[in-house]
Amino acid sequence: MSADETHVTTTEPNAVEEPLDLVRLSLDERIYVKLRGDRELRGKLHAYDGHLNMILGDVEETITVVEINEETYEEVIRTVKRTSEMIFVRGDGVILVSPPVRTGG
C-alpha cells in the first residue's frame, strides 16, 4: 500500500472488533454502569468518548453505603437511590459498562 491509499474495512456496522465498539452499539440504549465508590447507574447513553466519559439521560443512581453500628460493631448496609434527568460520568471512575440485555426474537 502506498502512502496515498487508505485502508478500508468492510465489517458489518453491528460488528464488535474493539472494546469501544460495544459501547458504540449501545448509543441511545439503556446501559448499566458500575463506578468506583459503590455507585451504579442505569440510564440512556447519549454520548461517550475514548476516555469513557459519558453523558447519560433518564438516570437512576444507586449508592451502596456500609456503616458500622457504634454500639454493636455490626455492618449496616443501606442503599440510596436517586434519579437525574441528565448526568456526566467521568471515565476514570468507570469500572464496568454493560449493554442492554437483548432478548431473542
PDB file of N, CA and C in Angstrom:
ATOM      1  N   MET A   1       0.821  -1.177   0.000  1.00  0.00           N
ATOM      2  CA  MET A   1       0.000   0.000   0.000  1.00  0.00           C
ATOM      3  C   MET A   1       0.866   1.242   0.000  1.00  0.00           C
ATOM      4  N   SER A   2       0.533   2.181  -0.843  1.00  0.00           N
ATOM      5  CA  SER A   2       1.280   3.431  -0.855  1.00  0.00           C
ATOM      6  C   SER A   2       0.732   4.363   0.220  1.00  0.00           C
ATOM      7  N   ALA A   3       1.433   5.464   0.452  1.00  0.00           N
ATOM      8  CA  ALA A   3       1.008   6.425   1.474  1.00  0.00           C
ATOM      9  C   ALA A   3      -0.305   7.096   1.097  1.00  0.00           C
ATOM     10  N   ASP A   4      -0.631   7.120  -0.222  1.00  0.00           N
ATOM     11  CA  ASP A   4      -1.865   7.762  -0.678  1.00  0.00           C
ATOM     12  C   ASP A   4      -3.098   6.899  -0.431  1.00  0.00           C
ATOM     13  N   GLU A   5      -2.907   5.599  -0.358  1.00  0.00           N
ATOM     14  CA  GLU A   5      -4.041   4.698  -0.233  1.00  0.00           C
ATOM     15  C   GLU A   5      -4.558   4.681   1.204  1.00  0.00           C
ATOM     16  N   THR A   6      -5.842   4.493   1.325  1.00  0.00           N
ATOM     17  CA  THR A   6      -6.434   4.376   2.652  1.00  0.00           C
ATOM     18  C   THR A   6      -6.869   2.943   2.868  1.00  0.00           C
ATOM     19  N   HIS A   7      -6.807   2.535   4.094  1.00  0.00           N
ATOM     20  CA  HIS A   7      -7.216   1.179   4.454  1.00  0.00           C
ATOM     21  C   HIS A   7      -8.703   1.197   4.785  1.00  0.00           C
ATOM     22  N   VAL A   8      -9.482   0.441   4.060  1.00  0.00           N
ATOM     23  CA  VAL A   8     -10.919   0.395   4.264  1.00  0.00           C
ATOM     24  C   VAL A   8     -11.293  -0.986   4.766  1.00  0.00           C
ATOM     25  N   THR A   9     -12.027  -1.018   5.882  1.00  0.00           N
ATOM     26  CA  THR A   9     -12.500  -2.302   6.383  1.00  0.00           C
ATOM     27  C   THR A   9     -13.937  -2.483   5.950  1.00  0.00           C
ATOM     28  N   THR A  10     -14.290  -3.707   5.691  1.00  0.00           N
ATOM     29  CA  THR A  10     -15.655  -3.994   5.248  1.00  0.00           C
ATOM     30  C   THR A  10     -16.351  -4.841   6.299  1.00  0.00           C
ATOM     31  N   THR A  11     -16.424  -4.290   7.501  1.00  0.00           N
ATOM     32  CA  THR A  11     -17.086  -5.020   8.576  1.00  0.00           C
ATOM     33  C   THR A  11     -18.524  -4.564   8.683  1.00  0.00           C
ATOM     34  N   GLU A  12     -19.325  -5.380   9.277  1.00  0.00           N
ATOM     35  CA  GLU A  12     -20.727  -5.038   9.488  1.00  0.00           C
ATOM     36  C   GLU A  12     -20.819  -3.878  10.483  1.00  0.00           C
ATOM     37  N   PRO A  13     -21.840  -3.030  10.346  1.00  0.00           N
ATOM     38  CA  PRO A  13     -21.978  -1.916  11.297  1.00  0.00           C
ATOM     39  C   PRO A  13     -22.240  -2.385  12.719  1.00  0.00           C
ATOM     40  N   ASN A  14     -22.738  -3.602  12.903  1.00  0.00           N
ATOM     41  CA  ASN A  14     -23.015  -4.122  14.246  1.00  0.00           C
ATOM     42  C   ASN A  14     -21.903  -5.023  14.760  1.00  0.00           C
ATOM     43  N   ALA A  15     -20.751  -5.049  14.074  1.00  0.00           N
ATOM     44  CA  ALA A  15     -19.648  -5.919  14.483  1.00  0.00           C
ATOM     45  C   ALA A  15     -18.909  -5.320  15.675  1.00  0.00           C
ATOM     46  N   VAL A  16     -18.440  -6.201  16.542  1.00  0.00           N
ATOM     47  CA  VAL A  16     -17.644  -5.783  17.695  1.00  0.00           C
ATOM     48  C   VAL A  16     -16.228  -6.296  17.486  1.00  0.00           C
ATOM     49  N   GLU A  17     -15.315  -5.367  17.171  1.00  0.00           N
ATOM     50  CA  GLU A  17     -13.909  -5.730  16.970  1.00  0.00           C
ATOM     51  C   GLU A  17     -13.013  -5.124  18.034  1.00  0.00           C
ATOM     52  N   GLU A  18     -13.431  -4.004  18.593  1.00  0.00           N
ATOM     53  CA  GLU A  18     -12.659  -3.327  19.627  1.00  0.00           C
ATOM     54  C   GLU A  18     -13.569  -3.081  20.825  1.00  0.00           C
ATOM     55  N   PRO A  19     -12.994  -2.918  22.019  1.00  0.00           N
ATOM     56  CA  PRO A  19     -13.826  -2.744  23.217  1.00  0.00           C
ATOM     57  C   PRO A  19     -14.855  -1.612  23.115  1.00  0.00           C
ATOM     58  N   LEU A  20     -14.473  -0.471  22.560  1.00  0.00           N
ATOM     59  CA  LEU A  20     -15.416   0.640  22.497  1.00  0.00           C
ATOM     60  C   LEU A  20     -16.526   0.412  21.477  1.00  0.00           C
ATOM     61  N   ASP A  21     -16.366  -0.585  20.597  1.00  0.00           N
ATOM     62  CA  ASP A  21     -17.457  -0.923  19.672  1.00  0.00           C
ATOM     63  C   ASP A  21     -18.698  -1.354  20.442  1.00  0.00           C
ATOM     64  N   LEU A  22     -18.486  -2.033  21.544  1.00  0.00           N
ATOM     65  CA  LEU A  22     -19.613  -2.478  22.358  1.00  0.00           C
ATOM     66  C   LEU A  22     -20.369  -1.276  22.926  1.00  0.00           C
ATOM     67  N   VAL A  23     -19.629  -0.249  23.322  1.00  0.00           N
ATOM     68  CA  VAL A  23     -20.260   0.973  23.824  1.00  0.00           C
ATOM     69  C   VAL A  23     -20.959   1.695  22.672  1.00  0.00           C
ATOM     70  N   ARG A  24     -20.322   1.754  21.515  1.00  0.00           N
ATOM     71  CA  ARG A  24     -20.922   2.416  20.342  1.00  0.00           C
ATOM     72  C   ARG A  24     -22.265   1.798  19.993  1.00  0.00           C
ATOM     73  N   LEU A  25     -22.351   0.481  20.080  1.00  0.00           N
ATOM     74  CA  LEU A  25     -23.599  -0.199  19.756  1.00  0.00           C
ATOM     75  C   LEU A  25     -24.689   0.075  20.792  1.00  0.00           C
ATOM     76  N   SER A  26     -24.315   0.626  21.933  1.00  0.00           N
ATOM     77  CA  SER A  26     -25.282   0.921  22.989  1.00  0.00           C
ATOM     78  C   SER A  26     -25.767   2.370  22.964  1.00  0.00           C
ATOM     79  N   LEU A  27     -25.319   3.163  21.988  1.00  0.00           N
ATOM     80  CA  LEU A  27     -25.793   4.545  21.889  1.00  0.00           C
ATOM     81  C   LEU A  27     -27.305   4.571  21.761  1.00  0.00           C
ATOM     82  N   ASP A  28     -27.921   5.481  22.468  1.00  0.00           N
ATOM     83  CA  ASP A  28     -29.385   5.639  22.505  1.00  0.00           C
ATOM     84  C   ASP A  28     -30.090   4.429  23.113  1.00  0.00           C
ATOM     85  N   GLU A  29     -29.364   3.604  23.845  1.00  0.00           N
ATOM     86  CA  GLU A  29     -29.934   2.455  24.559  1.00  0.00           C
ATOM     87  C   GLU A  29     -29.692   2.651  26.047  1.00  0.00           C
ATOM     88  N   ARG A  30     -30.466   1.954  26.861  1.00  0.00           N
ATOM     89  CA  ARG A  30     -30.232   1.974  28.309  1.00  0.00           C
ATOM     90  C   ARG A  30     -29.056   1.067  28.619  1.00  0.00           C
ATOM     91  N   ILE A  31     -28.149   1.544  29.472  1.00  0.00           N
ATOM     92  CA  ILE A  31     -26.984   0.755  29.865  1.00  0.00           C
ATOM     93  C   ILE A  31     -26.859   0.765  31.385  1.00  0.00           C
ATOM     94  N   TYR A  32     -26.005  -0.127  31.857  1.00  0.00           N
ATOM     95  CA  TYR A  32     -25.672  -0.218  33.283  1.00  0.00           C
ATOM     96  C   TYR A  32     -24.207   0.161  33.409  1.00  0.00           C
ATOM     97  N   VAL A  33     -23.889   1.059  34.334  1.00  0.00           N
ATOM     98  CA  VAL A  33     -22.512   1.499  34.560  1.00  0.00           C
ATOM     99  C   VAL A  33     -22.195   1.329  36.036  1.00  0.00           C
ATOM    100  N   LYS A  34     -21.130   0.582  36.347  1.00  0.00           N
ATOM    101  CA  LYS A  34     -20.661   0.429  37.725  1.00  0.00           C
ATOM    102  C   LYS A  34     -19.471   1.365  37.887  1.00  0.00           C
ATOM    103  N   LEU A  35     -19.512   2.164  38.969  1.00  0.00           N
ATOM    104  CA  LEU A  35     -18.477   3.154  39.232  1.00  0.00           C
ATOM    105  C   LEU A  35     -17.740   2.844  40.527  1.00  0.00           C
ATOM    106  N   ARG A  36     -16.588   3.461  40.678  1.00  0.00           N
ATOM    107  CA  ARG A  36     -15.869   3.366  41.949  1.00  0.00           C
ATOM    108  C   ARG A  36     -16.734   3.958  43.050  1.00  0.00           C
ATOM    109  N   GLY A  37     -16.481   3.548  44.268  1.00  0.00           N
ATOM    110  CA  GLY A  37     -17.234   4.095  45.394  1.00  0.00           C
ATOM    111  C   GLY A  37     -18.600   3.486  45.548  1.00  0.00           C
ATOM    112  N   ASP A  38     -18.778   2.257  45.072  1.00  0.00           N
ATOM    113  CA  ASP A  38     -20.054   1.532  45.218  1.00  0.00           C
ATOM    114  C   ASP A  38     -21.236   2.311  44.662  1.00  0.00           C
ATOM    115  N   ARG A  39     -21.046   2.887  43.474  1.00  0.00           N
ATOM    116  CA  ARG A  39     -22.125   3.589  42.780  1.00  0.00           C
ATOM    117  C   ARG A  39     -22.482   2.829  41.518  1.00  0.00           C
ATOM    118  N   GLU A  40     -23.758   2.791  41.205  1.00  0.00           N
ATOM    119  CA  GLU A  40     -24.242   2.138  39.993  1.00  0.00           C
ATOM    120  C   GLU A  40     -25.209   3.078  39.292  1.00  0.00           C
ATOM    121  N   LEU A  41     -25.125   3.114  37.978  1.00  0.00           N
ATOM    122  CA  LEU A  41     -26.008   3.962  37.185  1.00  0.00           C
ATOM    123  C   LEU A  41     -26.725   3.114  36.146  1.00  0.00           C
ATOM    124  N   ARG A  42     -27.972   3.444  35.906  1.00  0.00           N
ATOM    125  CA  ARG A  42     -28.733   2.868  34.801  1.00  0.00           C
ATOM    126  C   ARG A  42     -29.348   4.035  34.057  1.00  0.00           C
ATOM    127  N   GLY A  43     -29.050   4.140  32.771  1.00  0.00           N
ATOM    128  CA  GLY A  43     -29.583   5.259  32.014  1.00  0.00           C
ATOM    129  C   GLY A  43     -29.353   5.087  30.531  1.00  0.00           C
ATOM    130  N   LYS A  44     -29.873   6.033  29.780  1.00  0.00           N
ATOM    131  CA  LYS A  44     -29.758   6.008  28.328  1.00  0.00           C
ATOM    132  C   LYS A  44     -28.466   6.705  27.920  1.00  0.00           C
ATOM    133  N   LEU A  45     -27.632   6.010  27.147  1.00  0.00           N
ATOM    134  CA  LEU A  45     -26.345   6.546  26.712  1.00  0.00           C
ATOM    135  C   LEU A  45     -26.553   7.513  25.552  1.00  0.00           C
ATOM    136  N   HIS A  46     -26.223   8.787  25.786  1.00  0.00           N
ATOM    137  CA  HIS A  46     -26.372   9.798  24.739  1.00  0.00           C
ATOM    138  C   HIS A  46     -25.062  10.053  24.006  1.00  0.00           C
ATOM    139  N   ALA A  47     -23.928  10.002  24.726  1.00  0.00           N
ATOM    140  CA  ALA A  47     -22.636  10.282  24.103  1.00  0.00           C
ATOM    141  C   ALA A  47     -21.523   9.685  24.953  1.00  0.00           C
ATOM    142  N   TYR A  48     -20.367   9.447  24.324  1.00  0.00           N
ATOM    143  CA  TYR A  48     -19.179   8.950  25.029  1.00  0.00           C
ATOM    144  C   TYR A  48     -17.953   9.355  24.228  1.00  0.00           C
ATOM    145  N   ASP A  49     -16.784   9.233  24.852  1.00  0.00           N
ATOM    146  CA  ASP A  49     -15.538   9.464  24.125  1.00  0.00           C
ATOM    147  C   ASP A  49     -14.551   8.345  24.434  1.00  0.00           C
ATOM    148  N   GLY A  50     -13.347   8.481  23.928  1.00  0.00           N
ATOM    149  CA  GLY A  50     -12.331   7.447  24.084  1.00  0.00           C
ATOM    150  C   GLY A  50     -11.863   7.236  25.515  1.00  0.00           C
ATOM    151  N   HIS A  51     -12.116   8.201  26.391  1.00  0.00           N
ATOM    152  CA  HIS A  51     -11.754   8.057  27.806  1.00  0.00           C
ATOM    153  C   HIS A  51     -12.882   7.421  28.600  1.00  0.00           C
ATOM    154  N   LEU A  52     -13.974   7.106  27.933  1.00  0.00           N
ATOM    155  CA  LEU A  52     -15.187   6.560  28.527  1.00  0.00           C
ATOM    156  C   LEU A  52     -15.928   7.591  29.374  1.00  0.00           C
ATOM    157  N   ASN A  53     -15.664   8.883  29.113  1.00  0.00           N
ATOM    158  CA  ASN A  53     -16.547   9.912  29.640  1.00  0.00           C
ATOM    159  C   ASN A  53     -17.883   9.689  28.945  1.00  0.00           C
ATOM    160  N   MET A  54     -18.972   9.805  29.693  1.00  0.00           N
ATOM    161  CA  MET A  54     -20.279   9.527  29.110  1.00  0.00           C
ATOM    162  C   MET A  54     -21.298  10.560  29.552  1.00  0.00           C
ATOM    163  N   ILE A  55     -22.296  10.753  28.716  1.00  0.00           N
ATOM    164  CA  ILE A  55     -23.469  11.532  29.081  1.00  0.00           C
ATOM    165  C   ILE A  55     -24.643  10.564  29.058  1.00  0.00           C
ATOM    166  N   LEU A  56     -25.309  10.449  30.215  1.00  0.00           N
ATOM    167  CA  LEU A  56     -26.456   9.563  30.357  1.00  0.00           C
ATOM    168  C   LEU A  56     -27.697  10.389  30.643  1.00  0.00           C
ATOM    169  N   GLY A  57     -28.818   9.941  30.112  1.00  0.00           N
ATOM    170  CA  GLY A  57     -30.090  10.594  30.367  1.00  0.00           C
ATOM    171  C   GLY A  57     -31.033   9.656  31.084  1.00  0.00           C
ATOM    172  N   ASP A  58     -32.037  10.215  31.735  1.00  0.00           N
ATOM    173  CA  ASP A  58     -33.039   9.439  32.466  1.00  0.00           C
ATOM    174  C   ASP A  58     -32.350   8.419  33.375  1.00  0.00           C
ATOM    175  N   VAL A  59     -31.515   8.926  34.286  1.00  0.00           N
ATOM    176  CA  VAL A  59     -30.598   8.106  35.074  1.00  0.00           C
ATOM    177  C   VAL A  59     -31.180   7.738  36.432  1.00  0.00           C
ATOM    178  N   GLU A  60     -31.007   6.483  36.786  1.00  0.00           N
ATOM    179  CA  GLU A  60     -31.282   6.022  38.148  1.00  0.00           C
ATOM    180  C   GLU A  60     -29.936   5.650  38.766  1.00  0.00           C
ATOM    181  N   GLU A  61     -29.581   6.330  39.843  1.00  0.00           N
ATOM    182  CA  GLU A  61     -28.312   6.092  40.527  1.00  0.00           C
ATOM    183  C   GLU A  61     -28.573   5.349  41.825  1.00  0.00           C
ATOM    184  N   THR A  62     -27.780   4.319  42.080  1.00  0.00           N
ATOM    185  CA  THR A  62     -27.857   3.559  43.326  1.00  0.00           C
ATOM    186  C   THR A  62     -26.503   3.649  44.017  1.00  0.00           C
ATOM    187  N   ILE A  63     -26.502   4.132  45.242  1.00  0.00           N
ATOM    188  CA  ILE A  63     -25.273   4.221  46.034  1.00  0.00           C
ATOM    189  C   ILE A  63     -25.417   3.278  47.209  1.00  0.00           C
ATOM    190  N   THR A  64     -24.439   2.393  47.375  1.00  0.00           N
ATOM    191  CA  THR A  64     -24.437   1.461  48.498  1.00  0.00           C
ATOM    192  C   THR A  64     -23.502   2.003  49.569  1.00  0.00           C
ATOM    193  N   VAL A  65     -24.040   2.158  50.776  1.00  0.00           N
ATOM    194  CA  VAL A  65     -23.269   2.706  51.887  1.00  0.00           C
ATOM    195  C   VAL A  65     -23.161   1.638  52.970  1.00  0.00           C
ATOM    196  N   VAL A  66     -21.927   1.371  53.413  1.00  0.00           N
ATOM    197  CA  VAL A  66     -21.700   0.423  54.501  1.00  0.00           C
ATOM    198  C   VAL A  66     -21.264   1.227  55.721  1.00  0.00           C
ATOM    199  N   GLU A  67     -22.057   1.114  56.781  1.00  0.00           N
ATOM    200  CA  GLU A  67     -21.749   1.824  58.024  1.00  0.00           C
ATOM    201  C   GLU A  67     -21.559   0.812  59.139  1.00  0.00           C
ATOM    202  N   ILE A  68     -20.797   1.199  60.142  1.00  0.00           N
ATOM    203  CA  ILE A  68     -20.584   0.344  61.313  1.00  0.00           C
ATOM    204  C   ILE A  68     -21.400   0.913  62.469  1.00  0.00           C
ATOM    205  N   ASN A  69     -22.258   0.067  63.043  1.00  0.00           N
ATOM    206  CA  ASN A  69     -23.028   0.466  64.210  1.00  0.00           C
ATOM    207  C   ASN A  69     -22.047   0.601  65.370  1.00  0.00           C
ATOM    208  N   GLU A  70     -21.994   1.779  65.965  1.00  0.00           N
ATOM    209  CA  GLU A  70     -21.007   2.042  67.011  1.00  0.00           C
ATOM    210  C   GLU A  70     -21.249   1.257  68.282  1.00  0.00           C
ATOM    211  N   GLU A  71     -22.480   0.841  68.525  1.00  0.00           N
ATOM    212  CA  GLU A  71     -22.784   0.081  69.740  1.00  0.00           C
ATOM    213  C   GLU A  71     -22.518  -1.408  69.576  1.00  0.00           C
ATOM    214  N   THR A  72     -22.939  -1.959  68.439  1.00  0.00           N
ATOM    215  CA  THR A  72     -22.810  -3.413  68.235  1.00  0.00           C
ATOM    216  C   THR A  72     -21.654  -3.785  67.331  1.00  0.00           C
ATOM    217  N   TYR A  73     -21.026  -2.801  66.680  1.00  0.00           N
ATOM    218  CA  TYR A  73     -19.941  -3.017  65.717  1.00  0.00           C
ATOM    219  C   TYR A  73     -20.353  -3.913  64.558  1.00  0.00           C
ATOM    220  N   GLU A  74     -21.634  -3.922  64.258  1.00  0.00           N
ATOM    221  CA  GLU A  74     -22.125  -4.686  63.112  1.00  0.00           C
ATOM    222  C   GLU A  74     -22.183  -3.776  61.893  1.00  0.00           C
ATOM    223  N   GLU A  75     -21.974  -4.394  60.714  1.00  0.00           N
ATOM    224  CA  GLU A  75     -22.084  -3.637  59.479  1.00  0.00           C
ATOM    225  C   GLU A  75     -23.555  -3.420  59.140  1.00  0.00           C
ATOM    226  N   VAL A  76     -23.868  -2.205  58.796  1.00  0.00           N
ATOM    227  CA  VAL A  76     -25.217  -1.873  58.353  1.00  0.00           C
ATOM    228  C   VAL A  76     -25.090  -1.412  56.906  1.00  0.00           C
ATOM    229  N   ILE A  77     -25.715  -2.158  56.016  1.00  0.00           N
ATOM    230  CA  ILE A  77     -25.650  -1.822  54.598  1.00  0.00           C
ATOM    231  C   ILE A  77     -26.968  -1.181  54.190  1.00  0.00           C
ATOM    232  N   ARG A  78     -26.869   0.000  53.587  1.00  0.00           N
ATOM    233  CA  ARG A  78     -28.081   0.652  53.104  1.00  0.00           C
ATOM    234  C   ARG A  78     -27.826   1.189  51.709  1.00  0.00           C
ATOM    235  N   THR A  79     -28.884   1.288  50.948  1.00  0.00           N
ATOM    236  CA  THR A  79     -28.760   1.817  49.596  1.00  0.00           C
ATOM    237  C   THR A  79     -29.565   3.107  49.486  1.00  0.00           C
ATOM    238  N   VAL A  80     -28.998   4.028  48.744  1.00  0.00           N
ATOM    239  CA  VAL A  80     -29.641   5.305  48.482  1.00  0.00           C
ATOM    240  C   VAL A  80     -29.878   5.368  46.982  1.00  0.00           C
ATOM    241  N   LYS A  81     -31.109   5.662  46.582  1.00  0.00           N
ATOM    242  CA  LYS A  81     -31.429   5.773  45.160  1.00  0.00           C
ATOM    243  C   LYS A  81     -31.875   7.193  44.861  1.00  0.00           C
ATOM    244  N   ARG A  82     -31.453   7.662  43.699  1.00  0.00           N
ATOM    245  CA  ARG A  82     -31.915   8.965  43.236  1.00  0.00           C
ATOM    246  C   ARG A  82     -31.959   8.959  41.713  1.00  0.00           C
ATOM    247  N   THR A  83     -32.737   9.855  41.172  1.00  0.00           N
ATOM    248  CA  THR A  83     -32.863   9.938  39.724  1.00  0.00           C
ATOM    249  C   THR A  83     -32.408  11.313  39.251  1.00  0.00           C
ATOM    250  N   SER A  84     -31.897  11.345  38.026  1.00  0.00           N
ATOM    251  CA  SER A  84     -31.466  12.594  37.406  1.00  0.00           C
ATOM    252  C   SER A  84     -31.897  12.582  35.951  1.00  0.00           C
ATOM    253  N   GLU A  85     -32.230  13.751  35.453  1.00  0.00           N
ATOM    254  CA  GLU A  85     -32.619  13.861  34.048  1.00  0.00           C
ATOM    255  C   GLU A  85     -31.421  13.641  33.131  1.00  0.00           C
ATOM    256  N   MET A  86     -30.250  14.182  33.520  1.00  0.00           N
ATOM    257  CA  MET A  86     -29.047  14.082  32.702  1.00  0.00           C
ATOM    258  C   MET A  86     -27.842  14.095  33.631  1.00  0.00           C
ATOM    259  N   ILE A  87     -26.817  13.304  33.282  1.00  0.00           N
ATOM    260  CA  ILE A  87     -25.624  13.249  34.127  1.00  0.00           C
ATOM    261  C   ILE A  87     -24.387  13.048  33.256  1.00  0.00           C
ATOM    262  N   PHE A  88     -23.280  13.672  33.661  1.00  0.00           N
ATOM    263  CA  PHE A  88     -21.986  13.477  33.013  1.00  0.00           C
ATOM    264  C   PHE A  88     -21.183  12.522  33.882  1.00  0.00           C
ATOM    265  N   VAL A  89     -20.652  11.474  33.286  1.00  0.00           N
ATOM    266  CA  VAL A  89     -19.855  10.487  34.014  1.00  0.00           C
ATOM    267  C   VAL A  89     -18.413  10.614  33.555  1.00  0.00           C
ATOM    268  N   ARG A  90     -17.518  10.850  34.488  1.00  0.00           N
ATOM    269  CA  ARG A  90     -16.103  10.926  34.141  1.00  0.00           C
ATOM    270  C   ARG A  90     -15.554   9.514  33.992  1.00  0.00           C
ATOM    271  N   GLY A  91     -14.885   9.257  32.897  1.00  0.00           N
ATOM    272  CA  GLY A  91     -14.455   7.914  32.534  1.00  0.00           C
ATOM    273  C   GLY A  91     -13.495   7.247  33.493  1.00  0.00           C
ATOM    274  N   ASP A  92     -12.686   8.012  34.225  1.00  0.00           N
ATOM    275  CA  ASP A  92     -11.706   7.359  35.104  1.00  0.00           C
ATOM    276  C   ASP A  92     -12.343   6.714  36.327  1.00  0.00           C
ATOM    277  N   GLY A  93     -13.631   6.953  36.558  1.00  0.00           N
ATOM    278  CA  GLY A  93     -14.334   6.302  37.662  1.00  0.00           C
ATOM    279  C   GLY A  93     -15.116   5.069  37.244  1.00  0.00           C
ATOM    280  N   VAL A  94     -15.111   4.772  35.941  1.00  0.00           N
ATOM    281  CA  VAL A  94     -15.907   3.661  35.416  1.00  0.00           C
ATOM    282  C   VAL A  94     -15.162   2.339  35.627  1.00  0.00           C
ATOM    283  N   ILE A  95     -15.870   1.373  36.206  1.00  0.00           N
ATOM    284  CA  ILE A  95     -15.327   0.029  36.385  1.00  0.00           C
ATOM    285  C   ILE A  95     -15.883  -0.915  35.327  1.00  0.00           C
ATOM    286  N   LEU A  96     -17.177  -0.781  35.035  1.00  0.00           N
ATOM    287  CA  LEU A  96     -17.839  -1.713  34.133  1.00  0.00           C
ATOM    288  C   LEU A  96     -18.957  -1.008  33.384  1.00  0.00           C
ATOM    289  N   VAL A  97     -19.101  -1.348  32.105  1.00  0.00           N
ATOM    290  CA  VAL A  97     -20.226  -0.886  31.296  1.00  0.00           C
ATOM    291  C   VAL A  97     -20.871  -2.113  30.697  1.00  0.00           C
ATOM    292  N   SER A  98     -22.166  -2.222  30.876  1.00  0.00           N
ATOM    293  CA  SER A  98     -22.893  -3.369  30.336  1.00  0.00           C
ATOM    294  C   SER A  98     -23.950  -2.883  29.358  1.00  0.00           C
ATOM    295  N   PRO A  99     -23.960  -3.458  28.168  1.00  0.00           N
ATOM    296  CA  PRO A  99     -25.009  -3.072  27.213  1.00  0.00           C
ATOM    297  C   PRO A  99     -26.350  -3.575  27.681  1.00  0.00           C
ATOM    298  N   PRO A 100     -27.399  -3.090  27.070  1.00  0.00           N
ATOM    299  CA  PRO A 100     -28.741  -3.553  27.461  1.00  0.00           C
ATOM    300  C   PRO A 100     -28.895  -5.042  27.175  1.00  0.00           C
ATOM    301  N   VAL A 101     -29.712  -5.689  27.948  1.00  0.00           N
ATOM    302  CA  VAL A 101     -29.980  -7.111  27.732  1.00  0.00           C
ATOM    303  C   VAL A 101     -30.904  -7.230  26.536  1.00  0.00           C
ATOM    304  N   ARG A 102     -30.480  -7.979  25.558  1.00  0.00           N
ATOM    305  CA  ARG A 102     -31.293  -8.150  24.350  1.00  0.00           C
ATOM    306  C   ARG A 102     -31.957  -9.513  24.408  1.00  0.00           C
ATOM    307  N   THR A 103     -33.234  -9.525  24.138  1.00  0.00           N
ATOM    308  CA  THR A 103     -33.972 -10.784  24.141  1.00  0.00           C
ATOM    309  C   THR A 103     -34.068 -11.296  22.715  1.00  0.00           C
ATOM    310  N   GLY A 104     -34.081 -12.591  22.565  1.00  0.00           N
ATOM    311  CA  GLY A 104     -34.185 -13.183  21.237  1.00  0.00           C
ATOM    312  C   GLY A 104     -35.561 -12.994  20.659  1.00  0.00           C
ATOM    313  N   GLY A 105     -35.635 -13.100  19.323  1.00  0.00           N
ATOM    314  CA  GLY A 105     -36.958 -12.963  18.741  1.00  0.00           C
ATOM    315  C   GLY A 105     -36.953 -12.685  17.293  1.00  0.00           C
TER     316      GLY A 105
END
